């Protein structure tokens, strides 16, 4: 028995903050143009694969001393030791799950433009 999640599932990025870098600004809130570093975090999981094996059964044995005697000159037939010994094989389950999970922090550079901001 097998099960698979072959696609990666990702969470939305969460903003952790920004670091402004000096740019060009016109005083009194008229305009501010410049780069900033944006910090975001996220997580993903997948692909995930799994399998399971179930087994059970029986073992049948005959004694090493089992014998049959057939008389050819005078018709006769004799047997002994042919009673089978039956042993159950215990029920067994083997399972395995493999997957990947990751948590990450992402830094990106963005360019911002602000115009006519109020204080």
Foldseek 3Di string as FASTA:
>chain_A
DKDWQADKDKDDKAWPDKAFDADDDDPPQAKGKGKIKTKIKIKMKDGKMKDKDKDWFKDKDFDPPWDWDADDVDGDIDTDRGDIDIDIGDIDMDMDMDMDMDMDMDMDMDIDMGGNDHD
